[in-house]
Amino acid sequence: MSPEPLTIVKEGKECCGQLPQTCIITRIECFQFDCELSDRMLPGHSDDCHCGLLTLSTNLGTWGLGEFQIPCGKLKGDFVQWAVVFQRIKGLTLADGLAYVHQKEVVWGEIRTHVISSALIDLAAKLEHASEGQKVESFLSDRTYLFDHSQAYISF
């Protein structure tokens, strides 16, 4: 994990760059991939793990992605129980979301903290460079493909 995820947010800004203070996280989605998509997204991953994607969407239409790989022994309970902690980020600004993640870092553990931090950092970068557009693997923007190749899904 990066040493201080809060450093990506500029002082006095609710979101990065010159975006309005009304930039809030409006949707959080977690996909747990099937074997085919796991192999495509994370080549060389262990067969003894759960792979997936966390997406964060904002009211401005920008979104961030965080990929994860959870060793089977590290997943306590089911996937929904693992992901449900992220629901508290919904409705927060980017800065508040990063602060909340930083506050929960010890309780959540390294993997959860890393995946949500990665998605928030990706979102911050896209907000910062919104005029450059969002480049993403075509199959990640195809929701039908994601649903067809997910073992589990949760949305907040």
Protein backbone atom coordinates (compact mmCIF):
# COMPACT_ATOMS: atom_id res chain seq x y z
CA MET A 1 0.00 0.00 0.00
CA SER A 2 1.17 3.54 -0.63
CA PRO A 3 2.59 5.24 2.45
CA GLU A 4 0.00 8.03 2.61
CA PRO A 5 -3.00 7.87 0.26
CA LEU A 6 -4.24 11.27 1.44
CA THR A 7 -1.34 13.03 -0.24
CA ILE A 8 -3.05 12.75 -3.63
CA VAL A 9 -5.79 15.16 -2.57
CA LYS A 10 -4.81 18.80 -2.79
CA GLU A 11 -5.34 21.01 0.25
CA GLY A 12 -8.68 22.81 0.30
CA LYS A 13 -10.19 20.79 -2.55
CA GLU A 14 -13.14 18.42 -2.20
CA CYS A 15 -12.05 16.72 -5.41
CA CYS A 16 -8.93 17.04 -7.44
CA GLY A 17 -8.22 19.84 -9.88
CA GLN A 18 -10.79 22.58 -10.34
CA LEU A 19 -13.83 20.33 -9.97
CA PRO A 20 -16.79 21.53 -7.90
CA GLN A 21 -17.25 20.58 -4.28
CA THR A 22 -20.31 18.56 -5.29
CA CYS A 23 -18.15 15.69 -6.57
CA ILE A 24 -19.39 12.71 -4.54
CA ILE A 25 -19.17 8.95 -4.80
CA THR A 26 -22.59 7.75 -5.95
CA ARG A 27 -22.08 4.04 -6.61
CA ILE A 28 -19.79 1.27 -5.47
CA GLU A 29 -19.72 -2.09 -7.23
CA CYS A 30 -17.68 -5.20 -6.51
CA PHE A 31 -17.34 -8.07 -8.97
CA GLN A 32 -15.79 -11.39 -7.96
CA PHE A 33 -14.49 -12.86 -11.21
CA ASP A 34 -14.89 -16.39 -12.49
CA CYS A 35 -11.77 -18.35 -13.52
CA GLU A 36 -11.79 -17.09 -17.13
CA LEU A 37 -11.89 -13.40 -16.25
CA SER A 38 -9.44 -13.92 -13.37
CA ASP A 39 -6.96 -15.40 -15.84
CA ARG A 40 -7.51 -12.51 -18.25
CA MET A 41 -7.19 -9.75 -15.64
CA LEU A 42 -4.50 -11.21 -13.42
CA PRO A 43 -2.37 -13.64 -15.43
CA GLY A 44 -0.42 -15.98 -13.20
CA HIS A 45 -2.76 -15.57 -10.25
CA SER A 46 -2.98 -18.46 -7.83
CA ASP A 47 -5.85 -20.90 -8.32
CA ASP A 48 -6.29 -20.68 -4.57
CA CYS A 49 -7.56 -17.09 -4.56
CA HIS A 50 -10.52 -14.84 -5.32
CA CYS A 51 -9.97 -12.14 -7.96
CA GLY A 52 -12.18 -9.21 -8.74
CA LEU A 53 -12.80 -5.56 -9.43
CA LEU A 54 -14.12 -2.68 -7.36
CA THR A 55 -15.58 0.29 -9.22
CA LEU A 56 -16.43 3.71 -7.80
CA SER A 57 -18.68 6.09 -9.72
CA THR A 58 -19.29 9.79 -9.05
CA ASN A 59 -22.13 12.16 -9.76
CA LEU A 60 -19.86 13.72 -12.41
CA GLY A 61 -19.76 10.48 -14.42
CA THR A 62 -16.13 9.70 -13.61
CA TRP A 63 -15.20 6.32 -12.19
CA GLY A 64 -12.22 4.60 -10.60
CA LEU A 65 -11.15 0.96 -10.61
CA GLY A 66 -9.37 -1.19 -8.06
CA GLU A 67 -8.43 -4.81 -8.79
CA PHE A 68 -8.02 -7.35 -6.02
CA GLN A 69 -6.68 -10.82 -5.38
CA ILE A 70 -7.68 -12.39 -2.06
CA PRO A 71 -6.00 -15.62 -0.95
CA CYS A 72 -8.73 -18.14 -0.03
CA GLY A 73 -7.56 -18.34 3.57
CA LYS A 74 -7.86 -14.55 3.96
CA LEU A 75 -11.54 -14.36 2.98
CA LYS A 76 -13.46 -14.67 6.24
CA GLY A 77 -17.13 -15.29 5.53
CA ASP A 78 -18.44 -14.76 2.02
CA PHE A 79 -17.62 -12.14 -0.60
CA VAL A 80 -20.57 -9.91 0.36
CA GLN A 81 -19.42 -9.80 4.00
CA TRP A 82 -15.91 -8.93 2.81
CA ALA A 83 -17.14 -6.09 0.56
CA VAL A 84 -19.93 -4.63 2.71
CA VAL A 85 -17.49 -2.35 4.58
CA PHE A 86 -17.08 -0.27 1.43
CA GLN A 87 -20.69 0.96 1.57
CA ARG A 88 -19.72 3.72 4.02
CA ILE A 89 -17.75 5.43 1.23
CA LYS A 90 -20.93 6.06 -0.78
CA GLY A 91 -22.08 9.66 -0.52
CA LEU A 92 -18.65 10.95 0.51
CA THR A 93 -16.39 13.29 -1.41
CA LEU A 94 -13.08 11.93 -2.65
CA ALA A 95 -11.18 13.62 0.17
CA ASP A 96 -13.60 12.35 2.81
CA GLY A 97 -13.48 8.86 1.28
CA LEU A 98 -9.69 8.79 1.44
CA ALA A 99 -9.77 10.03 5.04
CA TYR A 100 -12.27 7.32 5.97
CA VAL A 101 -10.15 4.60 4.36
CA HIS A 102 -7.08 5.87 6.19
CA GLN A 103 -9.03 5.79 9.45
CA LYS A 104 -10.15 2.16 8.87
CA GLU A 105 -6.81 0.86 7.57
CA VAL A 106 -5.95 -1.25 10.63
CA VAL A 107 -9.44 -2.71 11.04
CA TRP A 108 -9.92 -3.50 7.34
CA GLY A 109 -6.52 -5.04 6.75
CA GLU A 110 -4.07 -4.67 3.92
CA ILE A 111 -6.08 -6.20 1.05
CA ARG A 112 -9.33 -4.27 1.57
CA THR A 113 -7.47 -1.04 2.25
CA HIS A 114 -5.38 -1.51 -0.87
CA VAL A 115 -8.31 -2.21 -3.19
CA ILE A 116 -10.39 0.78 -2.07
CA SER A 117 -7.32 3.05 -2.00
CA SER A 118 -6.42 1.93 -5.53
CA ALA A 119 -9.92 2.72 -6.77
CA LEU A 120 -9.89 6.13 -5.05
CA ILE A 121 -6.44 6.96 -6.43
CA ASP A 122 -7.54 5.86 -9.92
CA LEU A 123 -10.65 8.03 -9.54
CA ALA A 124 -8.54 10.99 -8.39
CA ALA A 125 -6.24 10.62 -11.40
CA LYS A 126 -9.21 10.50 -13.77
CA LEU A 127 -10.78 13.54 -12.13
CA GLU A 128 -7.47 15.38 -12.39
CA HIS A 129 -7.13 14.55 -16.08
CA ALA A 130 -10.81 14.42 -17.06
CA SER A 131 -10.19 16.11 -20.40
CA GLU A 132 -7.90 13.27 -21.49
CA GLY A 133 -10.73 10.72 -21.36
CA GLN A 134 -10.86 7.35 -19.69
CA LYS A 135 -8.99 4.50 -21.30
CA VAL A 136 -9.94 1.07 -20.07
CA GLU A 137 -9.90 -2.48 -21.38
CA SER A 138 -13.01 -2.82 -23.56
CA PHE A 139 -14.30 -5.83 -21.66
CA LEU A 140 -14.26 -3.84 -18.38
CA SER A 141 -16.67 -1.29 -19.82
CA ASP A 142 -18.95 -4.10 -21.03
CA ARG A 143 -21.21 -4.67 -18.03
CA THR A 144 -22.82 -7.72 -19.64
CA TYR A 145 -19.39 -9.35 -19.95
CA LEU A 146 -18.56 -8.51 -16.32
CA PHE A 147 -21.85 -9.97 -15.09
CA ASP A 148 -21.45 -13.07 -17.27
CA HIS A 149 -17.98 -13.67 -15.81
CA SER A 150 -18.61 -12.91 -12.16
CA GLN A 151 -19.25 -15.44 -9.44
CA ALA A 152 -20.54 -12.75 -7.10
CA TYR A 153 -21.61 -9.11 -7.35
CA ILE A 154 -22.53 -6.46 -4.83
CA SER A 155 -23.59 -2.87 -5.40
CA PHE A 156 -24.16 0.04 -3.02
